[in-house]
Amino acid sequence: MRYSSVFRIFCVGVALVMALTFSGAAQAAVKDYHIEEVPGLWFENILYAWNKVTLDVVNTTPDNIMFGGTMIFLDYHGKPIAKASLLPKKISGLNSERYTAHFIEGSGEAARRAVRVIWDFGTL
């Protein structure tokens, strides 16, 4: 076998490993967008910054709802890696509201690696 063939096989192998690695990293983003204990609400359009996170909270019910709390970002092992606080706002029925949450622990860089978000409503 010639060295150029070995080099080609090596390059294809490296490309395959990188593709599998980065496709797994793309799936490491938060997948579960529901909000526990508040039926009819979910969040979407998350934008991370160093000291804050911006997101939309969607109200699918016809009722107006006051909503606020703390987002707790969890890693693969369920360990908290960041926390961000959302001040209460009223979300009109069948509408959404844009929130800017500021990190009280961790940062946007850490939260970006989260696979799940849980909500704490007792900290406000």
PDB file of N, CA and C in Angstrom:
ATOM      1  N   MET A   1       0.839  -1.166   0.000  1.00  0.00           N
ATOM      2  CA  MET A   1       0.000   0.000   0.000  1.00  0.00           C
ATOM      3  C   MET A   1       0.889   1.235   0.000  1.00  0.00           C
ATOM      4  N   ARG A   2       0.556   2.195  -0.828  1.00  0.00           N
ATOM      5  CA  ARG A   2       1.369   3.396  -0.944  1.00  0.00           C
ATOM      6  C   ARG A   2       1.021   4.372   0.183  1.00  0.00           C
ATOM      7  N   TYR A   3       1.940   5.252   0.462  1.00  0.00           N
ATOM      8  CA  TYR A   3       1.747   6.233   1.528  1.00  0.00           C
ATOM      9  C   TYR A   3       0.584   7.181   1.235  1.00  0.00           C
ATOM     10  N   SER A   4       0.346   7.509  -0.024  1.00  0.00           N
ATOM     11  CA  SER A   4      -0.763   8.409  -0.354  1.00  0.00           C
ATOM     12  C   SER A   4      -2.106   7.751  -0.048  1.00  0.00           C
ATOM     13  N   SER A   5      -2.205   6.439  -0.251  1.00  0.00           N
ATOM     14  CA  SER A   5      -3.436   5.717   0.076  1.00  0.00           C
ATOM     15  C   SER A   5      -3.655   5.665   1.583  1.00  0.00           C
ATOM     16  N   VAL A   6      -2.591   5.426   2.328  1.00  0.00           N
ATOM     17  CA  VAL A   6      -2.677   5.401   3.785  1.00  0.00           C
ATOM     18  C   VAL A   6      -3.080   6.776   4.298  1.00  0.00           C
ATOM     19  N   PHE A   7      -2.505   7.820   3.720  1.00  0.00           N
ATOM     20  CA  PHE A   7      -2.828   9.178   4.130  1.00  0.00           C
ATOM     21  C   PHE A   7      -4.301   9.493   3.834  1.00  0.00           C
ATOM     22  N   ARG A   8      -4.807   9.067   2.690  1.00  0.00           N
ATOM     23  CA  ARG A   8      -6.222   9.285   2.340  1.00  0.00           C
ATOM     24  C   ARG A   8      -7.144   8.577   3.327  1.00  0.00           C
ATOM     25  N   ILE A   9      -6.834   7.337   3.646  1.00  0.00           N
ATOM     26  CA  ILE A   9      -7.647   6.581   4.600  1.00  0.00           C
ATOM     27  C   ILE A   9      -7.612   7.261   5.967  1.00  0.00           C
ATOM     28  N   PHE A  10      -6.445   7.736   6.365  1.00  0.00           N
ATOM     29  CA  PHE A  10      -6.312   8.446   7.629  1.00  0.00           C
ATOM     30  C   PHE A  10      -7.170   9.717   7.627  1.00  0.00           C
ATOM     31  N   CYS A  11      -7.130  10.487   6.540  1.00  0.00           N
ATOM     32  CA  CYS A  11      -7.911  11.729   6.447  1.00  0.00           C
ATOM     33  C   CYS A  11      -9.412  11.457   6.487  1.00  0.00           C
ATOM     34  N   VAL A  12      -9.847  10.422   5.801  1.00  0.00           N
ATOM     35  CA  VAL A  12     -11.270  10.052   5.821  1.00  0.00           C
ATOM     36  C   VAL A  12     -11.676   9.647   7.233  1.00  0.00           C
ATOM     37  N   GLY A  13     -10.827   8.901   7.912  1.00  0.00           N
ATOM     38  CA  GLY A  13     -11.108   8.495   9.296  1.00  0.00           C
ATOM     39  C   GLY A  13     -11.215   9.694  10.217  1.00  0.00           C
ATOM     40  N   VAL A  14     -10.288  10.632  10.093  1.00  0.00           N
ATOM     41  CA  VAL A  14     -10.324  11.844  10.919  1.00  0.00           C
ATOM     42  C   VAL A  14     -11.581  12.655  10.626  1.00  0.00           C
ATOM     43  N   ALA A  15     -11.929  12.794   9.351  1.00  0.00           N
ATOM     44  CA  ALA A  15     -13.135  13.535   8.974  1.00  0.00           C
ATOM     45  C   ALA A  15     -14.376  12.867   9.552  1.00  0.00           C
ATOM     46  N   LEU A  16     -14.437  11.542   9.527  1.00  0.00           N
ATOM     47  CA  LEU A  16     -15.575  10.815  10.062  1.00  0.00           C
ATOM     48  C   LEU A  16     -15.679  11.011  11.576  1.00  0.00           C
ATOM     49  N   VAL A  17     -14.565  10.907  12.275  1.00  0.00           N
ATOM     50  CA  VAL A  17     -14.565  11.117  13.729  1.00  0.00           C
ATOM     51  C   VAL A  17     -14.998  12.547  14.058  1.00  0.00           C
ATOM     52  N   MET A  18     -14.494  13.522  13.321  1.00  0.00           N
ATOM     53  CA  MET A  18     -14.879  14.918  13.579  1.00  0.00           C
ATOM     54  C   MET A  18     -16.364  15.128  13.308  1.00  0.00           C
ATOM     55  N   ALA A  19     -16.883  14.535  12.251  1.00  0.00           N
ATOM     56  CA  ALA A  19     -18.305  14.696  11.936  1.00  0.00           C
ATOM     57  C   ALA A  19     -19.170  14.098  13.034  1.00  0.00           C
ATOM     58  N   LEU A  20     -18.793  12.934  13.522  1.00  0.00           N
ATOM     59  CA  LEU A  20     -19.556  12.318  14.593  1.00  0.00           C
ATOM     60  C   LEU A  20     -19.444  13.118  15.887  1.00  0.00           C
ATOM     61  N   THR A  21     -18.264  13.652  16.168  1.00  0.00           N
ATOM     62  CA  THR A  21     -18.063  14.448  17.373  1.00  0.00           C
ATOM     63  C   THR A  21     -18.884  15.718  17.327  1.00  0.00           C
ATOM     64  N   PHE A  22     -18.827  16.444  16.224  1.00  0.00           N
ATOM     65  CA  PHE A  22     -19.536  17.714  16.145  1.00  0.00           C
ATOM     66  C   PHE A  22     -21.036  17.522  16.004  1.00  0.00           C
ATOM     67  N   SER A  23     -21.489  16.430  15.421  1.00  0.00           N
ATOM     68  CA  SER A  23     -22.932  16.197  15.371  1.00  0.00           C
ATOM     69  C   SER A  23     -23.452  15.917  16.772  1.00  0.00           C
ATOM     70  N   GLY A  24     -22.663  15.246  17.618  1.00  0.00           N
ATOM     71  CA  GLY A  24     -23.049  15.043  19.014  1.00  0.00           C
ATOM     72  C   GLY A  24     -23.054  16.340  19.780  1.00  0.00           C
ATOM     73  N   ALA A  25     -22.102  17.236  19.488  1.00  0.00           N
ATOM     74  CA  ALA A  25     -22.065  18.527  20.167  1.00  0.00           C
ATOM     75  C   ALA A  25     -23.260  19.379  19.777  1.00  0.00           C
ATOM     76  N   ALA A  26     -23.705  19.260  18.545  1.00  0.00           N
ATOM     77  CA  ALA A  26     -24.869  20.030  18.120  1.00  0.00           C
ATOM     78  C   ALA A  26     -26.111  19.558  18.859  1.00  0.00           C
ATOM     79  N   GLN A  27     -26.169  18.279  19.200  1.00  0.00           N
ATOM     80  CA  GLN A  27     -27.299  17.758  19.944  1.00  0.00           C
ATOM     81  C   GLN A  27     -27.189  18.064  21.429  1.00  0.00           C
ATOM     82  N   ALA A  28     -26.081  18.622  21.869  1.00  0.00           N
ATOM     83  CA  ALA A  28     -25.898  18.917  23.281  1.00  0.00           C
ATOM     84  C   ALA A  28     -26.666  20.152  23.714  1.00  0.00           C
ATOM     85  N   ALA A  29     -27.259  20.870  22.780  1.00  0.00           N
ATOM     86  CA  ALA A  29     -28.060  22.029  23.140  1.00  0.00           C
ATOM     87  C   ALA A  29     -29.339  21.567  23.831  1.00  0.00           C
ATOM     88  N   VAL A  30     -29.959  22.488  24.542  1.00  0.00           N
ATOM     89  CA  VAL A  30     -31.183  22.174  25.280  1.00  0.00           C
ATOM     90  C   VAL A  30     -32.242  21.664  24.308  1.00  0.00           C
ATOM     91  N   LYS A  31     -32.803  20.492  24.589  1.00  0.00           N
ATOM     92  CA  LYS A  31     -33.799  19.887  23.713  1.00  0.00           C
ATOM     93  C   LYS A  31     -35.213  20.022  24.263  1.00  0.00           C
ATOM     94  N   ASP A  32     -35.349  20.013  25.576  1.00  0.00           N
ATOM     95  CA  ASP A  32     -36.650  19.954  26.218  1.00  0.00           C
ATOM     96  C   ASP A  32     -37.098  21.368  26.573  1.00  0.00           C
ATOM     97  N   TYR A  33     -38.027  21.909  25.815  1.00  0.00           N
ATOM     98  CA  TYR A  33     -38.394  23.308  25.960  1.00  0.00           C
ATOM     99  C   TYR A  33     -39.641  23.535  26.806  1.00  0.00           C
ATOM    100  N   HIS A  34     -40.169  22.492  27.465  1.00  0.00           N
ATOM    101  CA  HIS A  34     -41.358  22.726  28.276  1.00  0.00           C
ATOM    102  C   HIS A  34     -40.968  23.304  29.631  1.00  0.00           C
ATOM    103  N   ILE A  35     -41.929  23.919  30.289  1.00  0.00           N
ATOM    104  CA  ILE A  35     -41.701  24.521  31.600  1.00  0.00           C
ATOM    105  C   ILE A  35     -42.499  23.701  32.608  1.00  0.00           C
ATOM    106  N   GLU A  36     -41.792  23.050  33.518  1.00  0.00           N
ATOM    107  CA  GLU A  36     -42.451  22.196  34.505  1.00  0.00           C
ATOM    108  C   GLU A  36     -43.381  23.017  35.389  1.00  0.00           C
ATOM    109  N   GLU A  37     -44.449  22.408  35.842  1.00  0.00           N
ATOM    110  CA  GLU A  37     -45.406  22.963  36.804  1.00  0.00           C
ATOM    111  C   GLU A  37     -46.236  24.119  36.261  1.00  0.00           C
ATOM    112  N   VAL A  38     -46.061  24.494  35.001  1.00  0.00           N
ATOM    113  CA  VAL A  38     -46.869  25.565  34.410  1.00  0.00           C
ATOM    114  C   VAL A  38     -47.401  25.058  33.072  1.00  0.00           C
ATOM    115  N   PRO A  39     -48.565  24.407  33.074  1.00  0.00           N
ATOM    116  CA  PRO A  39     -49.087  23.876  31.818  1.00  0.00           C
ATOM    117  C   PRO A  39     -49.406  24.990  30.829  1.00  0.00           C
ATOM    118  N   GLY A  40     -49.139  24.739  29.569  1.00  0.00           N
ATOM    119  CA  GLY A  40     -49.440  25.711  28.521  1.00  0.00           C
ATOM    120  C   GLY A  40     -48.328  26.694  28.233  1.00  0.00           C
ATOM    121  N   LEU A  41     -47.192  26.601  28.926  1.00  0.00           N
ATOM    122  CA  LEU A  41     -46.057  27.494  28.669  1.00  0.00           C
ATOM    123  C   LEU A  41     -44.868  26.681  28.174  1.00  0.00           C
ATOM    124  N   TRP A  42     -44.121  27.246  27.243  1.00  0.00           N
ATOM    125  CA  TRP A  42     -42.832  26.704  26.843  1.00  0.00           C
ATOM    126  C   TRP A  42     -41.927  27.852  26.463  1.00  0.00           C
ATOM    127  N   PHE A  43     -40.640  27.566  26.294  1.00  0.00           N
ATOM    128  CA  PHE A  43     -39.691  28.607  25.921  1.00  0.00           C
ATOM    129  C   PHE A  43     -38.992  28.221  24.630  1.00  0.00           C
ATOM    130  N   GLU A  44     -38.535  29.252  23.898  1.00  0.00           N
ATOM    131  CA  GLU A  44     -37.880  29.030  22.614  1.00  0.00           C
ATOM    132  C   GLU A  44     -36.974  30.211  22.305  1.00  0.00           C
ATOM    133  N   ASN A  45     -36.252  30.145  21.191  1.00  0.00           N
ATOM    134  CA  ASN A  45     -35.378  31.227  20.698  1.00  0.00           C
ATOM    135  C   ASN A  45     -34.368  31.676  21.745  1.00  0.00           C
ATOM    136  N   ILE A  46     -33.604  30.745  22.274  1.00  0.00           N
ATOM    137  CA  ILE A  46     -32.610  31.070  23.300  1.00  0.00           C
ATOM    138  C   ILE A  46     -31.362  31.656  22.642  1.00  0.00           C
ATOM    139  N   LEU A  47     -30.941  32.820  23.139  1.00  0.00           N
ATOM    140  CA  LEU A  47     -29.705  33.467  22.700  1.00  0.00           C
ATOM    141  C   LEU A  47     -28.830  33.677  23.923  1.00  0.00           C
ATOM    142  N   TYR A  48     -27.631  33.085  23.917  1.00  0.00           N
ATOM    143  CA  TYR A  48     -26.728  33.177  25.053  1.00  0.00           C
ATOM    144  C   TYR A  48     -25.746  34.325  24.864  1.00  0.00           C
ATOM    145  N   ALA A  49     -25.506  35.062  25.928  1.00  0.00           N
ATOM    146  CA  ALA A  49     -24.431  36.047  25.997  1.00  0.00           C
ATOM    147  C   ALA A  49     -23.619  35.711  27.245  1.00  0.00           C
ATOM    148  N   TRP A  50     -22.535  36.438  27.479  1.00  0.00           N
ATOM    149  CA  TRP A  50     -21.671  36.106  28.613  1.00  0.00           C
ATOM    150  C   TRP A  50     -22.409  36.229  29.939  1.00  0.00           C
ATOM    151  N   ASN A  51     -23.168  37.337  30.146  1.00  0.00           N
ATOM    152  CA  ASN A  51     -23.789  37.585  31.446  1.00  0.00           C
ATOM    153  C   ASN A  51     -25.310  37.482  31.432  1.00  0.00           C
ATOM    154  N   LYS A  52     -25.898  37.128  30.294  1.00  0.00           N
ATOM    155  CA  LYS A  52     -27.354  37.050  30.221  1.00  0.00           C
ATOM    156  C   LYS A  52     -27.769  36.057  29.150  1.00  0.00           C
ATOM    157  N   VAL A  53     -29.037  35.707  29.189  1.00  0.00           N
ATOM    158  CA  VAL A  53     -29.642  34.843  28.184  1.00  0.00           C
ATOM    159  C   VAL A  53     -30.984  35.475  27.811  1.00  0.00           C
ATOM    160  N   THR A  54     -31.274  35.489  26.526  1.00  0.00           N
ATOM    161  CA  THR A  54     -32.532  36.041  26.040  1.00  0.00           C
ATOM    162  C   THR A  54     -33.365  34.890  25.493  1.00  0.00           C
ATOM    163  N   LEU A  55     -34.653  34.870  25.824  1.00  0.00           N
ATOM    164  CA  LEU A  55     -35.527  33.812  25.375  1.00  0.00           C
ATOM    165  C   LEU A  55     -36.955  34.319  25.279  1.00  0.00           C
ATOM    166  N   ASP A  56     -37.769  33.617  24.529  1.00  0.00           N
ATOM    167  CA  ASP A  56     -39.194  33.898  24.425  1.00  0.00           C
ATOM    168  C   ASP A  56     -39.943  32.846  25.224  1.00  0.00           C
ATOM    169  N   VAL A  57     -40.885  33.297  26.062  1.00  0.00           N
ATOM    170  CA  VAL A  57     -41.774  32.384  26.773  1.00  0.00           C
ATOM    171  C   VAL A  57     -43.131  32.489  26.096  1.00  0.00           C
ATOM    172  N   VAL A  58     -43.654  31.351  25.647  1.00  0.00           N
ATOM    173  CA  VAL A  58     -44.888  31.299  24.869  1.00  0.00           C
ATOM    174  C   VAL A  58     -46.023  30.784  25.754  1.00  0.00           C
ATOM    175  N   ASN A  59     -47.132  31.521  25.749  1.00  0.00           N
ATOM    176  CA  ASN A  59     -48.333  31.139  26.488  1.00  0.00           C
ATOM    177  C   ASN A  59     -49.349  30.595  25.487  1.00  0.00           C
ATOM    178  N   THR A  60     -49.651  29.303  25.564  1.00  0.00           N
ATOM    179  CA  THR A  60     -50.599  28.693  24.629  1.00  0.00           C
ATOM    180  C   THR A  60     -52.008  28.631  25.195  1.00  0.00           C
ATOM    181  N   THR A  61     -52.216  29.173  26.379  1.00  0.00           N
ATOM    182  CA  THR A  61     -53.547  29.192  26.981  1.00  0.00           C
ATOM    183  C   THR A  61     -54.211  30.535  26.696  1.00  0.00           C
ATOM    184  N   PRO A  62     -55.535  30.630  26.813  1.00  0.00           N
ATOM    185  CA  PRO A  62     -56.207  31.916  26.600  1.00  0.00           C
ATOM    186  C   PRO A  62     -56.112  32.856  27.808  1.00  0.00           C
ATOM    187  N   ASP A  63     -55.550  32.378  28.906  1.00  0.00           N
ATOM    188  CA  ASP A  63     -55.467  33.173  30.139  1.00  0.00           C
ATOM    189  C   ASP A  63     -54.191  33.998  30.194  1.00  0.00           C
ATOM    190  N   ASN A  64     -54.266  35.164  30.848  1.00  0.00           N
ATOM    191  CA  ASN A  64     -53.065  35.951  31.141  1.00  0.00           C
ATOM    192  C   ASN A  64     -52.358  35.298  32.327  1.00  0.00           C
ATOM    193  N   ILE A  65     -51.041  35.195  32.251  1.00  0.00           N
ATOM    194  CA  ILE A  65     -50.267  34.514  33.283  1.00  0.00           C
ATOM    195  C   ILE A  65     -49.098  35.392  33.705  1.00  0.00           C
ATOM    196  N   MET A  66     -48.895  35.531  35.026  1.00  0.00           N
ATOM    197  CA  MET A  66     -47.670  36.157  35.544  1.00  0.00           C
ATOM    198  C   MET A  66     -46.613  35.068  35.591  1.00  0.00           C
ATOM    199  N   PHE A  67     -45.441  35.350  35.036  1.00  0.00           N
ATOM    200  CA  PHE A  67     -44.408  34.333  34.972  1.00  0.00           C
ATOM    201  C   PHE A  67     -43.055  34.936  35.288  1.00  0.00           C
ATOM    202  N   GLY A  68     -42.279  34.242  36.092  1.00  0.00           N
ATOM    203  CA  GLY A  68     -40.906  34.608  36.430  1.00  0.00           C
ATOM    204  C   GLY A  68     -40.309  33.452  37.210  1.00  0.00           C
ATOM    205  N   GLY A  69     -39.026  33.433  37.369  1.00  0.00           N
ATOM    206  CA  GLY A  69     -38.390  32.339  38.106  1.00  0.00           C
ATOM    207  C   GLY A  69     -36.911  32.271  37.804  1.00  0.00           C
ATOM    208  N   THR A  70     -36.329  31.146  38.119  1.00  0.00           N
ATOM    209  CA  THR A  70     -34.914  30.917  37.875  1.00  0.00           C
ATOM    210  C   THR A  70     -34.752  29.718  36.957  1.00  0.00           C
ATOM    211  N   MET A  71     -33.976  29.905  35.898  1.00  0.00           N
ATOM    212  CA  MET A  71     -33.640  28.810  34.996  1.00  0.00           C
ATOM    213  C   MET A  71     -32.377  28.149  35.531  1.00  0.00           C
ATOM    214  N   ILE A  72     -32.411  26.837  35.681  1.00  0.00           N
ATOM    215  CA  ILE A  72     -31.241  26.093  36.132  1.00  0.00           C
ATOM    216  C   ILE A  72     -30.802  25.206  34.979  1.00  0.00           C
ATOM    217  N   PHE A  73     -29.621  25.461  34.455  1.00  0.00           N
ATOM    218  CA  PHE A  73     -29.082  24.733  33.317  1.00  0.00           C
ATOM    219  C   PHE A  73     -28.297  23.525  33.823  1.00  0.00           C
ATOM    220  N   LEU A  74     -28.633  22.336  33.302  1.00  0.00           N
ATOM    221  CA  LEU A  74     -28.014  21.095  33.760  1.00  0.00           C
ATOM    222  C   LEU A  74     -27.163  20.464  32.667  1.00  0.00           C
ATOM    223  N   ASP A  75     -26.072  19.813  33.091  1.00  0.00           N
ATOM    224  CA  ASP A  75     -25.224  19.095  32.138  1.00  0.00           C
ATOM    225  C   ASP A  75     -25.727  17.664  31.963  1.00  0.00           C
ATOM    226  N   TYR A  76     -24.942  16.825  31.273  1.00  0.00           N
ATOM    227  CA  TYR A  76     -25.333  15.441  31.007  1.00  0.00           C
ATOM    228  C   TYR A  76     -25.591  14.632  32.273  1.00  0.00           C
ATOM    229  N   HIS A  77     -24.896  14.967  33.334  1.00  0.00           N
ATOM    230  CA  HIS A  77     -25.006  14.209  34.572  1.00  0.00           C
ATOM    231  C   HIS A  77     -26.078  14.768  35.503  1.00  0.00           C
ATOM    232  N   GLY A  78     -26.796  15.803  35.081  1.00  0.00           N
ATOM    233  CA  GLY A  78     -27.823  16.423  35.914  1.00  0.00           C
ATOM    234  C   GLY A  78     -27.268  17.422  36.905  1.00  0.00           C
ATOM    235  N   LYS A  79     -26.003  17.793  36.747  1.00  0.00           N
ATOM    236  CA  LYS A  79     -25.361  18.741  37.654  1.00  0.00           C
ATOM    237  C   LYS A  79     -25.618  20.174  37.163  1.00  0.00           C
ATOM    238  N   PRO A  80     -26.028  21.090  38.061  1.00  0.00           N
ATOM    239  CA  PRO A  80     -26.237  22.485  37.651  1.00  0.00           C
ATOM    240  C   PRO A  80     -24.923  23.130  37.214  1.00  0.00           C
ATOM    241  N   ILE A  81     -24.938  23.758  36.037  1.00  0.00           N
ATOM    242  CA  ILE A  81     -23.743  24.441  35.549  1.00  0.00           C
ATOM    243  C   ILE A  81     -23.937  25.947  35.440  1.00  0.00           C
ATOM    244  N   ALA A  82     -25.190  26.413  35.496  1.00  0.00           N
ATOM    245  CA  ALA A  82     -25.471  27.851  35.463  1.00  0.00           C
ATOM    246  C   ALA A  82     -26.902  28.088  35.934  1.00  0.00           C
ATOM    247  N   LYS A  83     -27.141  29.293  36.459  1.00  0.00           N
ATOM    248  CA  LYS A  83     -28.481  29.711  36.870  1.00  0.00           C
ATOM    249  C   LYS A  83     -28.710  31.133  36.386  1.00  0.00           C
ATOM    250  N   ALA A  84     -29.914  31.367  35.855  1.00  0.00           N
ATOM    251  CA  ALA A  84     -30.272  32.703  35.378  1.00  0.00           C
ATOM    252  C   ALA A  84     -31.639  33.067  35.937  1.00  0.00           C
ATOM    253  N   SER A  85     -31.784  34.319  36.378  1.00  0.00           N
ATOM    254  CA  SER A  85     -33.007  34.777  37.017  1.00  0.00           C
ATOM    255  C   SER A  85     -33.840  35.620  36.056  1.00  0.00           C
ATOM    256  N   LEU A  86     -35.154  35.308  35.978  1.00  0.00           N
ATOM    257  CA  LEU A  86     -36.104  36.058  35.162  1.00  0.00           C
ATOM    258  C   LEU A  86     -37.051  36.806  36.090  1.00  0.00           C
ATOM    259  N   LEU A  87     -37.135  38.113  35.949  1.00  0.00           N
ATOM    260  CA  LEU A  87     -38.082  38.883  36.740  1.00  0.00           C
ATOM    261  C   LEU A  87     -39.492  38.629  36.233  1.00  0.00           C
ATOM    262  N   PRO A  88     -40.491  38.679  37.123  1.00  0.00           N
ATOM    263  CA  PRO A  88     -41.865  38.383  36.707  1.00  0.00           C
ATOM    264  C   PRO A  88     -42.402  39.395  35.688  1.00  0.00           C
ATOM    265  N   LYS A  89     -43.137  38.841  34.713  1.00  0.00           N
ATOM    266  CA  LYS A  89     -43.838  39.639  33.702  1.00  0.00           C
ATOM    267  C   LYS A  89     -45.178  38.979  33.436  1.00  0.00           C
ATOM    268  N   LYS A  90     -46.112  39.764  32.953  1.00  0.00           N
ATOM    269  CA  LYS A  90     -47.403  39.212  32.556  1.00  0.00           C
ATOM    270  C   LYS A  90     -47.326  38.807  31.084  1.00  0.00           C
ATOM    271  N   ILE A  91     -47.739  37.576  30.805  1.00  0.00           N
ATOM    272  CA  ILE A  91     -47.783  37.084  29.428  1.00  0.00           C
ATOM    273  C   ILE A  91     -49.252  36.961  29.044  1.00  0.00           C
ATOM    274  N   SER A  92     -49.658  37.707  28.045  1.00  0.00           N
ATOM    275  CA  SER A  92     -51.041  37.664  27.580  1.00  0.00           C
ATOM    276  C   SER A  92     -51.370  36.291  27.012  1.00  0.00           C
ATOM    277  N   GLY A  93     -52.656  35.956  27.044  1.00  0.00           N
ATOM    278  CA  GLY A  93     -53.110  34.679  26.503  1.00  0.00           C
ATOM    279  C   GLY A  93     -52.808  34.559  25.021  1.00  0.00           C
ATOM    280  N   LEU A  94     -52.373  33.367  24.612  1.00  0.00           N
ATOM    281  CA  LEU A  94     -52.047  33.059  23.211  1.00  0.00           C
ATOM    282  C   LEU A  94     -51.020  34.027  22.638  1.00  0.00           C
ATOM    283  N   ASN A  95     -50.039  34.368  23.446  1.00  0.00           N
ATOM    284  CA  ASN A  95     -49.007  35.324  23.051  1.00  0.00           C
ATOM    285  C   ASN A  95     -47.663  34.880  23.619  1.00  0.00           C
ATOM    286  N   SER A  96     -46.615  35.610  23.304  1.00  0.00           N
ATOM    287  CA  SER A  96     -45.296  35.316  23.873  1.00  0.00           C
ATOM    288  C   SER A  96     -44.693  36.604  24.418  1.00  0.00           C
ATOM    289  N   GLU A  97     -43.725  36.428  25.284  1.00  0.00           N
ATOM    290  CA  GLU A  97     -43.038  37.565  25.897  1.00  0.00           C
ATOM    291  C   GLU A  97     -41.537  37.306  25.848  1.00  0.00           C
ATOM    292  N   ARG A  98     -40.774  38.324  25.464  1.00  0.00           N
ATOM    293  CA  ARG A  98     -39.313  38.210  25.403  1.00  0.00           C
ATOM    294  C   ARG A  98     -38.742  38.533  26.779  1.00  0.00           C
ATOM    295  N   TYR A  99     -37.906  37.644  27.287  1.00  0.00           N
ATOM    296  CA  TYR A  99     -37.253  37.813  28.578  1.00  0.00           C
ATOM    297  C   TYR A  99     -35.762  37.955  28.383  1.00  0.00           C
ATOM    298  N   THR A 100     -35.163  38.764  29.232  1.00  0.00           N
ATOM    299  CA  THR A 100     -33.710  38.802  29.364  1.00  0.00           C
ATOM    300  C   THR A 100     -33.402  38.375  30.787  1.00  0.00           C
ATOM    301  N   ALA A 101     -32.785  37.229  30.927  1.00  0.00           N
ATOM    302  CA  ALA A 101     -32.442  36.682  32.234  1.00  0.00           C
ATOM    303  C   ALA A 101     -30.952  36.897  32.471  1.00  0.00           C
ATOM    304  N   HIS A 102     -30.610  37.319  33.679  1.00  0.00           N
ATOM    305  CA  HIS A 102     -29.209  37.559  34.032  1.00  0.00           C
ATOM    306  C   HIS A 102     -28.690  36.401  34.882  1.00  0.00           C
ATOM    307  N   PHE A 103     -27.477  35.985  34.590  1.00  0.00           N
ATOM    308  CA  PHE A 103     -26.896  34.850  35.299  1.00  0.00           C
ATOM    309  C   PHE A 103     -26.546  35.242  36.728  1.00  0.00           C
ATOM    310  N   ILE A 104     -26.988  34.407  37.662  1.00  0.00           N
ATOM    311  CA  ILE A 104     -26.629  34.589  39.064  1.00  0.00           C
ATOM    312  C   ILE A 104     -25.542  33.587  39.467  1.00  0.00           C
ATOM    313  N   GLU A 105     -25.378  32.554  38.655  1.00  0.00           N
ATOM    314  CA  GLU A 105     -24.277  31.588  38.790  1.00  0.00           C
ATOM    315  C   GLU A 105     -23.891  31.146  37.394  1.00  0.00           C
ATOM    316  N   GLY A 106     -22.628  30.965  37.170  1.00  0.00           N
ATOM    317  CA  GLY A 106     -22.163  30.523  35.859  1.00  0.00           C
ATOM    318  C   GLY A 106     -22.236  31.641  34.832  1.00  0.00           C
ATOM    319  N   SER A 107     -22.232  31.256  33.573  1.00  0.00           N
ATOM    320  CA  SER A 107     -22.240  32.243  32.488  1.00  0.00           C
ATOM    321  C   SER A 107     -22.950  31.641  31.270  1.00  0.00           C
ATOM    322  N   GLY A 108     -23.088  32.461  30.252  1.00  0.00           N
ATOM    323  CA  GLY A 108     -23.676  31.990  29.009  1.00  0.00           C
ATOM    324  C   GLY A 108     -22.847  30.903  28.358  1.00  0.00           C
ATOM    325  N   GLU A 109     -21.537  30.983  28.539  1.00  0.00           N
ATOM    326  CA  GLU A 109     -20.652  29.960  27.977  1.00  0.00           C
ATOM    327  C   GLU A 109     -20.925  28.605  28.616  1.00  0.00           C
ATOM    328  N   ALA A 110     -21.123  28.595  29.924  1.00  0.00           N
ATOM    329  CA  ALA A 110     -21.436  27.340  30.613  1.00  0.00           C
ATOM    330  C   ALA A 110     -22.842  26.863  30.251  1.00  0.00           C
ATOM    331  N   ALA A 111     -23.807  27.775  30.233  1.00  0.00           N
ATOM    332  CA  ALA A 111     -25.200  27.411  29.947  1.00  0.00           C
ATOM    333  C   ALA A 111     -25.360  26.859  28.540  1.00  0.00           C
ATOM    334  N   ARG A 112     -24.533  27.295  27.639  1.00  0.00           N
ATOM    335  CA  ARG A 112     -24.595  26.828  26.254  1.00  0.00           C
ATOM    336  C   ARG A 112     -24.348  25.318  26.161  1.00  0.00           C
ATOM    337  N   ARG A 113     -23.652  24.764  27.125  1.00  0.00           N
ATOM    338  CA  ARG A 113     -23.361  23.324  27.128  1.00  0.00           C
ATOM    339  C   ARG A 113     -24.465  22.497  27.787  1.00  0.00           C
ATOM    340  N   ALA A 114     -25.515  23.148  28.276  1.00  0.00           N
ATOM    341  CA  ALA A 114     -26.583  22.445  28.995  1.00  0.00           C
ATOM    342  C   ALA A 114     -27.382  21.548  28.056  1.00  0.00           C
ATOM    343  N   VAL A 115     -27.856  20.440  28.609  1.00  0.00           N
ATOM    344  CA  VAL A 115     -28.725  19.541  27.854  1.00  0.00           C
ATOM    345  C   VAL A 115     -30.167  19.640  28.339  1.00  0.00           C
ATOM    346  N   ARG A 116     -30.371  20.274  29.485  1.00  0.00           N
ATOM    347  CA  ARG A 116     -31.707  20.401  30.039  1.00  0.00           C
ATOM    348  C   ARG A 116     -31.795  21.655  30.888  1.00  0.00           C
ATOM    349  N   VAL A 117     -32.976  22.222  30.952  1.00  0.00           N
ATOM    350  CA  VAL A 117     -33.255  23.365  31.829  1.00  0.00           C
ATOM    351  C   VAL A 117     -34.403  22.976  32.739  1.00  0.00           C
ATOM    352  N   ILE A 118     -34.216  23.194  34.034  1.00  0.00           N
ATOM    353  CA  ILE A 118     -35.327  23.051  34.957  1.00  0.00           C
ATOM    354  C   ILE A 118     -35.614  24.431  35.541  1.00  0.00           C
ATOM    355  N   TRP A 119     -36.808  24.579  36.087  1.00  0.00           N
ATOM    356  CA  TRP A 119     -37.271  25.886  36.555  1.00  0.00           C
ATOM    357  C   TRP A 119     -37.488  25.857  38.060  1.00  0.00           C
ATOM    358  N   ASP A 120     -37.049  26.920  38.735  1.00  0.00           N
ATOM    359  CA  ASP A 120     -37.256  27.087  40.161  1.00  0.00           C
ATOM    360  C   ASP A 120     -38.098  28.344  40.340  1.00  0.00           C
ATOM    361  N   PHE A 121     -39.313  28.186  40.841  1.00  0.00           N
ATOM    362  CA  PHE A 121     -40.210  29.326  40.989  1.00  0.00           C
ATOM    363  C   PHE A 121     -40.209  29.884  42.401  1.00  0.00           C
ATOM    364  N   GLY A 122     -39.464  29.288  43.318  1.00  0.00           N
ATOM    365  CA  GLY A 122     -39.461  29.746  44.709  1.00  0.00           C
ATOM    366  C   GLY A 122     -38.355  30.733  45.034  1.00  0.00           C
ATOM    367  N   THR A 123     -37.525  31.087  44.074  1.00  0.00           N
ATOM    368  CA  THR A 123     -36.368  31.931  44.395  1.00  0.00           C
ATOM    369  C   THR A 123     -36.618  33.405  44.150  1.00  0.00           C
ATOM    370  N   LEU A 124     -37.786  33.798  43.643  1.00  0.00           N
ATOM    371  CA  LEU A 124     -38.055  35.221  43.398  1.00  0.00           C
ATOM    372  C   LEU A 124     -38.696  35.864  44.589  1.00  0.00           C
TER     373      LEU A 124
END
